[in-house]
Amino acid sequence: MFYKFKKEQQQEMISDIQRFFADERDEEISEFAAERVLDFIKESLGPHFYNAAVLDAIQVVNQQHSSMEEEMLTLEQPIRK
């Protein structure tokens, strides 16, 4: 189910993880170890971020729908009695 990243994207994320460990923890980790951290993030934390993004997308769609509905109502013609 999880989005398959391109090789370049995955390599960039692995490098970012290695840089984080070096900068924040003063610890050098191998590419393999950084890849395992990435796998953990994707499998364990990723669904939380994904679900939050889905809820955000629903909110945006609802706002746009409401706005479109208001715009369409301005097209109504008056009815004479």
PDB file of N, CA and C in Angstrom:
ATOM      1  N   MET A   1       0.802  -1.190   0.000  1.00  0.00           N
ATOM      2  CA  MET A   1       0.000   0.000   0.000  1.00  0.00           C
ATOM      3  C   MET A   1       0.851   1.262   0.000  1.00  0.00           C
ATOM      4  N   PHE A   2       2.007   1.212   0.619  1.00  0.00           N
ATOM      5  CA  PHE A   2       2.819   2.407   0.757  1.00  0.00           C
ATOM      6  C   PHE A   2       3.430   2.817  -0.580  1.00  0.00           C
ATOM      7  N   TYR A   3       3.495   4.106  -0.800  1.00  0.00           N
ATOM      8  CA  TYR A   3       4.067   4.667  -2.008  1.00  0.00           C
ATOM      9  C   TYR A   3       5.509   4.210  -2.182  1.00  0.00           C
ATOM     10  N   LYS A   4       5.838   3.776  -3.376  1.00  0.00           N
ATOM     11  CA  LYS A   4       7.200   3.334  -3.680  1.00  0.00           C
ATOM     12  C   LYS A   4       8.001   4.545  -4.146  1.00  0.00           C
ATOM     13  N   PHE A   5       9.010   4.897  -3.378  1.00  0.00           N
ATOM     14  CA  PHE A   5       9.844   6.033  -3.729  1.00  0.00           C
ATOM     15  C   PHE A   5      10.823   5.656  -4.830  1.00  0.00           C
ATOM     16  N   LYS A   6      11.167   6.648  -5.632  1.00  0.00           N
ATOM     17  CA  LYS A   6      12.204   6.442  -6.640  1.00  0.00           C
ATOM     18  C   LYS A   6      13.527   6.249  -5.918  1.00  0.00           C
ATOM     19  N   LYS A   7      14.442   5.578  -6.588  1.00  0.00           N
ATOM     20  CA  LYS A   7      15.742   5.285  -5.984  1.00  0.00           C
ATOM     21  C   LYS A   7      16.447   6.569  -5.520  1.00  0.00           C
ATOM     22  N   GLU A   8      16.353   7.625  -6.329  1.00  0.00           N
ATOM     23  CA  GLU A   8      16.997   8.893  -5.974  1.00  0.00           C
ATOM     24  C   GLU A   8      16.362   9.508  -4.730  1.00  0.00           C
ATOM     25  N   GLN A   9      15.031   9.413  -4.628  1.00  0.00           N
ATOM     26  CA  GLN A   9      14.334   9.942  -3.457  1.00  0.00           C
ATOM     27  C   GLN A   9      14.738   9.174  -2.200  1.00  0.00           C
ATOM     28  N   GLN A  10      14.764   7.866  -2.313  1.00  0.00           N
ATOM     29  CA  GLN A  10      15.131   7.037  -1.162  1.00  0.00           C
ATOM     30  C   GLN A  10      16.565   7.334  -0.729  1.00  0.00           C
ATOM     31  N   GLN A  11      17.470   7.475  -1.693  1.00  0.00           N
ATOM     32  CA  GLN A  11      18.861   7.757  -1.358  1.00  0.00           C
ATOM     33  C   GLN A  11      18.996   9.112  -0.672  1.00  0.00           C
ATOM     34  N   GLU A  12      18.205  10.090  -1.126  1.00  0.00           N
ATOM     35  CA  GLU A  12      18.235  11.410  -0.497  1.00  0.00           C
ATOM     36  C   GLU A  12      17.737  11.337   0.947  1.00  0.00           C
ATOM     37  N   MET A  13      16.680  10.552   1.191  1.00  0.00           N
ATOM     38  CA  MET A  13      16.169  10.407   2.548  1.00  0.00           C
ATOM     39  C   MET A  13      17.184   9.697   3.449  1.00  0.00           C
ATOM     40  N   ILE A  14      17.850   8.699   2.912  1.00  0.00           N
ATOM     41  CA  ILE A  14      18.875   7.981   3.679  1.00  0.00           C
ATOM     42  C   ILE A  14      20.005   8.935   4.052  1.00  0.00           C
ATOM     43  N   SER A  15      20.414   9.763   3.103  1.00  0.00           N
ATOM     44  CA  SER A  15      21.459  10.759   3.382  1.00  0.00           C
ATOM     45  C   SER A  15      21.001  11.750   4.438  1.00  0.00           C
ATOM     46  N   ASP A  16      19.722  12.159   4.359  1.00  0.00           N
ATOM     47  CA  ASP A  16      19.178  13.076   5.364  1.00  0.00           C
ATOM     48  C   ASP A  16      19.208  12.444   6.757  1.00  0.00           C
ATOM     49  N   ILE A  17      18.876  11.180   6.842  1.00  0.00           N
ATOM     50  CA  ILE A  17      18.906  10.475   8.134  1.00  0.00           C
ATOM     51  C   ILE A  17      20.329  10.408   8.661  1.00  0.00           C
ATOM     52  N   GLN A  18      21.268  10.079   7.799  1.00  0.00           N
ATOM     53  CA  GLN A  18      22.669  10.025   8.223  1.00  0.00           C
ATOM     54  C   GLN A  18      23.128  11.402   8.714  1.00  0.00           C
ATOM     55  N   ARG A  19      22.728  12.462   7.997  1.00  0.00           N
ATOM     56  CA  ARG A  19      23.099  13.815   8.386  1.00  0.00           C
ATOM     57  C   ARG A  19      22.465  14.182   9.731  1.00  0.00           C
ATOM     58  N   PHE A  20      21.210  13.792   9.928  1.00  0.00           N
ATOM     59  CA  PHE A  20      20.537  14.058  11.194  1.00  0.00           C
ATOM     60  C   PHE A  20      21.296  13.418  12.354  1.00  0.00           C
ATOM     61  N   PHE A  21      21.649  12.150  12.203  1.00  0.00           N
ATOM     62  CA  PHE A  21      22.374  11.460  13.276  1.00  0.00           C
ATOM     63  C   PHE A  21      23.724  12.126  13.540  1.00  0.00           C
ATOM     64  N   ALA A  22      24.380  12.561  12.480  1.00  0.00           N
ATOM     65  CA  ALA A  22      25.677  13.218  12.641  1.00  0.00           C
ATOM     66  C   ALA A  22      25.526  14.567  13.338  1.00  0.00           C
ATOM     67  N   ASP A  23      24.548  15.353  12.910  1.00  0.00           N
ATOM     68  CA  ASP A  23      24.380  16.702  13.460  1.00  0.00           C
ATOM     69  C   ASP A  23      23.771  16.710  14.857  1.00  0.00           C
ATOM     70  N   GLU A  24      22.747  15.893  15.068  1.00  0.00           N
ATOM     71  CA  GLU A  24      21.984  15.950  16.312  1.00  0.00           C
ATOM     72  C   GLU A  24      22.511  15.017  17.398  1.00  0.00           C
ATOM     73  N   ARG A  25      23.098  13.921  16.984  1.00  0.00           N
ATOM     74  CA  ARG A  25      23.528  12.925  17.966  1.00  0.00           C
ATOM     75  C   ARG A  25      25.040  12.708  17.964  1.00  0.00           C
ATOM     76  N   ASP A  26      25.721  13.426  17.051  1.00  0.00           N
ATOM     77  CA  ASP A  26      27.168  13.275  16.899  1.00  0.00           C
ATOM     78  C   ASP A  26      27.536  11.802  16.718  1.00  0.00           C
ATOM     79  N   GLU A  27      26.740  11.145  15.865  1.00  0.00           N
ATOM     80  CA  GLU A  27      26.880   9.706  15.648  1.00  0.00           C
ATOM     81  C   GLU A  27      26.874   9.411  14.144  1.00  0.00           C
ATOM     82  N   GLU A  28      27.852   8.699  13.701  1.00  0.00           N
ATOM     83  CA  GLU A  28      27.908   8.291  12.297  1.00  0.00           C
ATOM     84  C   GLU A  28      27.204   6.945  12.161  1.00  0.00           C
ATOM     85  N   ILE A  29      26.244   6.852  11.233  1.00  0.00           N
ATOM     86  CA  ILE A  29      25.575   5.571  11.010  1.00  0.00           C
ATOM     87  C   ILE A  29      25.773   5.174   9.545  1.00  0.00           C
ATOM     88  N   SER A  30      25.778   3.895   9.318  1.00  0.00           N
ATOM     89  CA  SER A  30      25.983   3.377   7.968  1.00  0.00           C
ATOM     90  C   SER A  30      24.745   3.622   7.107  1.00  0.00           C
ATOM     91  N   GLU A  31      24.920   3.463   5.824  1.00  0.00           N
ATOM     92  CA  GLU A  31      23.798   3.580   4.900  1.00  0.00           C
ATOM     93  C   GLU A  31      22.739   2.519   5.224  1.00  0.00           C
ATOM     94  N   PHE A  32      23.205   1.324   5.568  1.00  0.00           N
ATOM     95  CA  PHE A  32      22.280   0.246   5.923  1.00  0.00           C
ATOM     96  C   PHE A  32      21.460   0.610   7.155  1.00  0.00           C
ATOM     97  N   ALA A  33      22.113   1.160   8.183  1.00  0.00           N
ATOM     98  CA  ALA A  33      21.409   1.542   9.404  1.00  0.00           C
ATOM     99  C   ALA A  33      20.409   2.665   9.110  1.00  0.00           C
ATOM    100  N   ALA A  34      20.798   3.619   8.278  1.00  0.00           N
ATOM    101  CA  ALA A  34      19.895   4.712   7.915  1.00  0.00           C
ATOM    102  C   ALA A  34      18.701   4.185   7.120  1.00  0.00           C
ATOM    103  N   GLU A  35      18.944   3.185   6.295  1.00  0.00           N
ATOM    104  CA  GLU A  35      17.849   2.571   5.540  1.00  0.00           C
ATOM    105  C   GLU A  35      16.869   1.861   6.473  1.00  0.00           C
ATOM    106  N   ARG A  36      17.375   1.234   7.509  1.00  0.00           N
ATOM    107  CA  ARG A  36      16.507   0.578   8.503  1.00  0.00           C
ATOM    108  C   ARG A  36      15.662   1.621   9.248  1.00  0.00           C
ATOM    109  N   VAL A  37      16.264   2.768   9.573  1.00  0.00           N
ATOM    110  CA  VAL A  37      15.510   3.850  10.217  1.00  0.00           C
ATOM    111  C   VAL A  37      14.408   4.320   9.268  1.00  0.00           C
ATOM    112  N   LEU A  38      14.735   4.477   8.000  1.00  0.00           N
ATOM    113  CA  LEU A  38      13.748   4.888   7.007  1.00  0.00           C
ATOM    114  C   LEU A  38      12.621   3.859   6.909  1.00  0.00           C
ATOM    115  N   ASP A  39      12.965   2.591   6.904  1.00  0.00           N
ATOM    116  CA  ASP A  39      11.941   1.539   6.863  1.00  0.00           C
ATOM    117  C   ASP A  39      11.022   1.623   8.085  1.00  0.00           C
ATOM    118  N   PHE A  40      11.604   1.867   9.245  1.00  0.00           N
ATOM    119  CA  PHE A  40      10.802   2.012  10.459  1.00  0.00           C
ATOM    120  C   PHE A  40       9.843   3.186  10.338  1.00  0.00           C
ATOM    121  N   ILE A  41      10.351   4.312   9.862  1.00  0.00           N
ATOM    122  CA  ILE A  41       9.517   5.503   9.712  1.00  0.00           C
ATOM    123  C   ILE A  41       8.376   5.221   8.735  1.00  0.00           C
ATOM    124  N   LYS A  42       8.693   4.610   7.603  1.00  0.00           N
ATOM    125  CA  LYS A  42       7.663   4.323   6.602  1.00  0.00           C
ATOM    126  C   LYS A  42       6.606   3.374   7.152  1.00  0.00           C
ATOM    127  N   GLU A  43       7.019   2.333   7.831  1.00  0.00           N
ATOM    128  CA  GLU A  43       6.090   1.303   8.286  1.00  0.00           C
ATOM    129  C   GLU A  43       5.326   1.696   9.551  1.00  0.00           C
ATOM    130  N   SER A  44       6.000   2.331  10.490  1.00  0.00           N
ATOM    131  CA  SER A  44       5.378   2.608  11.784  1.00  0.00           C
ATOM    132  C   SER A  44       4.801   4.014  11.903  1.00  0.00           C
ATOM    133  N   LEU A  45       5.485   4.996  11.366  1.00  0.00           N
ATOM    134  CA  LEU A  45       5.046   6.378  11.506  1.00  0.00           C
ATOM    135  C   LEU A  45       4.344   6.900  10.258  1.00  0.00           C
ATOM    136  N   GLY A  46       4.712   6.363   9.111  1.00  0.00           N
ATOM    137  CA  GLY A  46       4.151   6.818   7.843  1.00  0.00           C
ATOM    138  C   GLY A  46       2.634   6.844   7.800  1.00  0.00           C
ATOM    139  N   PRO A  47       1.972   5.777   8.266  1.00  0.00           N
ATOM    140  CA  PRO A  47       0.506   5.784   8.231  1.00  0.00           C
ATOM    141  C   PRO A  47      -0.125   6.948   9.006  1.00  0.00           C
ATOM    142  N   HIS A  48       0.509   7.388  10.085  1.00  0.00           N
ATOM    143  CA  HIS A  48      -0.014   8.526  10.839  1.00  0.00           C
ATOM    144  C   HIS A  48       0.016   9.794   9.982  1.00  0.00           C
ATOM    145  N   PHE A  49       1.141  10.011   9.301  1.00  0.00           N
ATOM    146  CA  PHE A  49       1.270  11.184   8.436  1.00  0.00           C
ATOM    147  C   PHE A  49       0.325  11.079   7.240  1.00  0.00           C
ATOM    148  N   TYR A  50       0.215   9.887   6.684  1.00  0.00           N
ATOM    149  CA  TYR A  50      -0.663   9.656   5.534  1.00  0.00           C
ATOM    150  C   TYR A  50      -2.114   9.955   5.918  1.00  0.00           C
ATOM    151  N   ASN A  51      -2.564   9.416   7.049  1.00  0.00           N
ATOM    152  CA  ASN A  51      -3.940   9.630   7.480  1.00  0.00           C
ATOM    153  C   ASN A  51      -4.213  11.109   7.761  1.00  0.00           C
ATOM    154  N   ALA A  52      -3.247  11.803   8.332  1.00  0.00           N
ATOM    155  CA  ALA A  52      -3.417  13.241   8.568  1.00  0.00           C
ATOM    156  C   ALA A  52      -3.536  13.980   7.234  1.00  0.00           C
ATOM    157  N   ALA A  53      -2.767  13.574   6.250  1.00  0.00           N
ATOM    158  CA  ALA A  53      -2.836  14.204   4.926  1.00  0.00           C
ATOM    159  C   ALA A  53      -4.186  13.938   4.266  1.00  0.00           C
ATOM    160  N   VAL A  54      -4.718  12.732   4.440  1.00  0.00           N
ATOM    161  CA  VAL A  54      -6.041  12.411   3.888  1.00  0.00           C
ATOM    162  C   VAL A  54      -7.096  13.320   4.513  1.00  0.00           C
ATOM    163  N   LEU A  55      -7.050  13.496   5.829  1.00  0.00           N
ATOM    164  CA  LEU A  55      -8.011  14.369   6.510  1.00  0.00           C
ATOM    165  C   LEU A  55      -7.863  15.819   6.044  1.00  0.00           C
ATOM    166  N   ASP A  56      -6.624  16.271   5.846  1.00  0.00           N
ATOM    167  CA  ASP A  56      -6.392  17.617   5.319  1.00  0.00           C
ATOM    168  C   ASP A  56      -6.978  17.760   3.917  1.00  0.00           C
ATOM    169  N   ALA A  57      -6.788  16.741   3.081  1.00  0.00           N
ATOM    170  CA  ALA A  57      -7.318  16.776   1.712  1.00  0.00           C
ATOM    171  C   ALA A  57      -8.845  16.823   1.729  1.00  0.00           C
ATOM    172  N   ILE A  58      -9.459  16.063   2.618  1.00  0.00           N
ATOM    173  CA  ILE A  58     -10.918  16.080   2.736  1.00  0.00           C
ATOM    174  C   ILE A  58     -11.395  17.480   3.118  1.00  0.00           C
ATOM    175  N   GLN A  59     -10.705  18.115   4.042  1.00  0.00           N
ATOM    176  CA  GLN A  59     -11.079  19.462   4.471  1.00  0.00           C
ATOM    177  C   GLN A  59     -10.972  20.446   3.308  1.00  0.00           C
ATOM    178  N   VAL A  60      -9.917  20.351   2.519  1.00  0.00           N
ATOM    179  CA  VAL A  60      -9.745  21.242   1.365  1.00  0.00           C
ATOM    180  C   VAL A  60     -10.854  21.018   0.348  1.00  0.00           C
ATOM    181  N   VAL A  61     -11.164  19.758   0.055  1.00  0.00           N
ATOM    182  CA  VAL A  61     -12.228  19.450  -0.892  1.00  0.00           C
ATOM    183  C   VAL A  61     -13.566  19.983  -0.387  1.00  0.00           C
ATOM    184  N   ASN A  62     -13.850  19.806   0.898  1.00  0.00           N
ATOM    185  CA  ASN A  62     -15.099  20.314   1.468  1.00  0.00           C
ATOM    186  C   ASN A  62     -15.186  21.836   1.363  1.00  0.00           C
ATOM    187  N   GLN A  63     -14.083  22.527   1.629  1.00  0.00           N
ATOM    188  CA  GLN A  63     -14.065  23.985   1.521  1.00  0.00           C
ATOM    189  C   GLN A  63     -14.296  24.423   0.073  1.00  0.00           C
ATOM    190  N   GLN A  64     -13.647  23.735  -0.867  1.00  0.00           N
ATOM    191  CA  GLN A  64     -13.817  24.093  -2.268  1.00  0.00           C
ATOM    192  C   GLN A  64     -15.241  23.799  -2.729  1.00  0.00           C
ATOM    193  N   HIS A  65     -15.807  22.689  -2.260  1.00  0.00           N
ATOM    194  CA  HIS A  65     -17.183  22.352  -2.613  1.00  0.00           C
ATOM    195  C   HIS A  65     -18.132  23.427  -2.114  1.00  0.00           C
ATOM    196  N   SER A  66     -17.942  23.860  -0.879  1.00  0.00           N
ATOM    197  CA  SER A  66     -18.787  24.895  -0.298  1.00  0.00           C
ATOM    198  C   SER A  66     -18.668  26.191  -1.095  1.00  0.00           C
ATOM    199  N   SER A  67     -17.455  26.532  -1.462  1.00  0.00           N
ATOM    200  CA  SER A  67     -17.219  27.745  -2.242  1.00  0.00           C
ATOM    201  C   SER A  67     -17.879  27.648  -3.614  1.00  0.00           C
ATOM    202  N   MET A  68     -17.778  26.496  -4.261  1.00  0.00           N
ATOM    203  CA  MET A  68     -18.406  26.301  -5.568  1.00  0.00           C
ATOM    204  C   MET A  68     -19.920  26.389  -5.440  1.00  0.00           C
ATOM    205  N   GLU A  69     -20.456  25.822  -4.380  1.00  0.00           N
ATOM    206  CA  GLU A  69     -21.902  25.852  -4.168  1.00  0.00           C
ATOM    207  C   GLU A  69     -22.379  27.299  -4.020  1.00  0.00           C
ATOM    208  N   GLU A  70     -21.658  28.096  -3.253  1.00  0.00           N
ATOM    209  CA  GLU A  70     -22.009  29.501  -3.079  1.00  0.00           C
ATOM    210  C   GLU A  70     -21.942  30.244  -4.410  1.00  0.00           C
ATOM    211  N   GLU A  71     -20.909  29.975  -5.199  1.00  0.00           N
ATOM    212  CA  GLU A  71     -20.770  30.609  -6.512  1.00  0.00           C
ATOM    213  C   GLU A  71     -21.932  30.223  -7.426  1.00  0.00           C
ATOM    214  N   MET A  72     -22.309  28.967  -7.408  1.00  0.00           N
ATOM    215  CA  MET A  72     -23.399  28.505  -8.264  1.00  0.00           C
ATOM    216  C   MET A  72     -24.732  29.121  -7.854  1.00  0.00           C
ATOM    217  N   LEU A  73     -24.927  29.315  -6.559  1.00  0.00           N
ATOM    218  CA  LEU A  73     -26.173  29.915  -6.089  1.00  0.00           C
ATOM    219  C   LEU A  73     -26.325  31.356  -6.560  1.00  0.00           C
ATOM    220  N   THR A  74     -25.210  32.027  -6.809  1.00  0.00           N
ATOM    221  CA  THR A  74     -25.299  33.397  -7.319  1.00  0.00           C
ATOM    222  C   THR A  74     -25.858  33.426  -8.744  1.00  0.00           C
ATOM    223  N   LEU A  75     -25.919  32.294  -9.427  1.00  0.00           N
ATOM    224  CA  LEU A  75     -26.430  32.222 -10.792  1.00  0.00           C
ATOM    225  C   LEU A  75     -27.943  32.083 -10.835  1.00  0.00           C
ATOM    226  N   GLU A  76     -28.565  31.859  -9.691  1.00  0.00           N
ATOM    227  CA  GLU A  76     -30.013  31.685  -9.666  1.00  0.00           C
ATOM    228  C   GLU A  76     -30.709  32.937 -10.214  1.00  0.00           C
ATOM    229  N   GLN A  77     -31.765  32.690 -10.922  1.00  0.00           N
ATOM    230  CA  GLN A  77     -32.589  33.766 -11.474  1.00  0.00           C
ATOM    231  C   GLN A  77     -33.764  34.028 -10.541  1.00  0.00           C
ATOM    232  N   PRO A  78     -34.148  35.297 -10.406  1.00  0.00           N
ATOM    233  CA  PRO A  78     -35.321  35.577  -9.573  1.00  0.00           C
ATOM    234  C   PRO A  78     -36.588  35.041 -10.233  1.00  0.00           C
ATOM    235  N   ILE A  79     -37.517  34.620  -9.445  1.00  0.00           N
ATOM    236  CA  ILE A  79     -38.804  34.101  -9.938  1.00  0.00           C
ATOM    237  C   ILE A  79     -39.866  35.143  -9.629  1.00  0.00           C
ATOM    238  N   ARG A  80     -40.564  35.550 -10.681  1.00  0.00           N
ATOM    239  CA  ARG A  80     -41.632  36.552 -10.511  1.00  0.00           C
ATOM    240  C   ARG A  80     -42.918  35.858 -10.145  1.00  0.00           C
ATOM    241  N   LYS A  81     -43.636  36.460  -9.270  1.00  0.00           N
ATOM    242  CA  LYS A  81     -44.916  35.895  -8.845  1.00  0.00           C
ATOM    243  C   LYS A  81     -46.047  36.750  -9.315  1.00  0.00           C
TER     244      LYS A  81
END
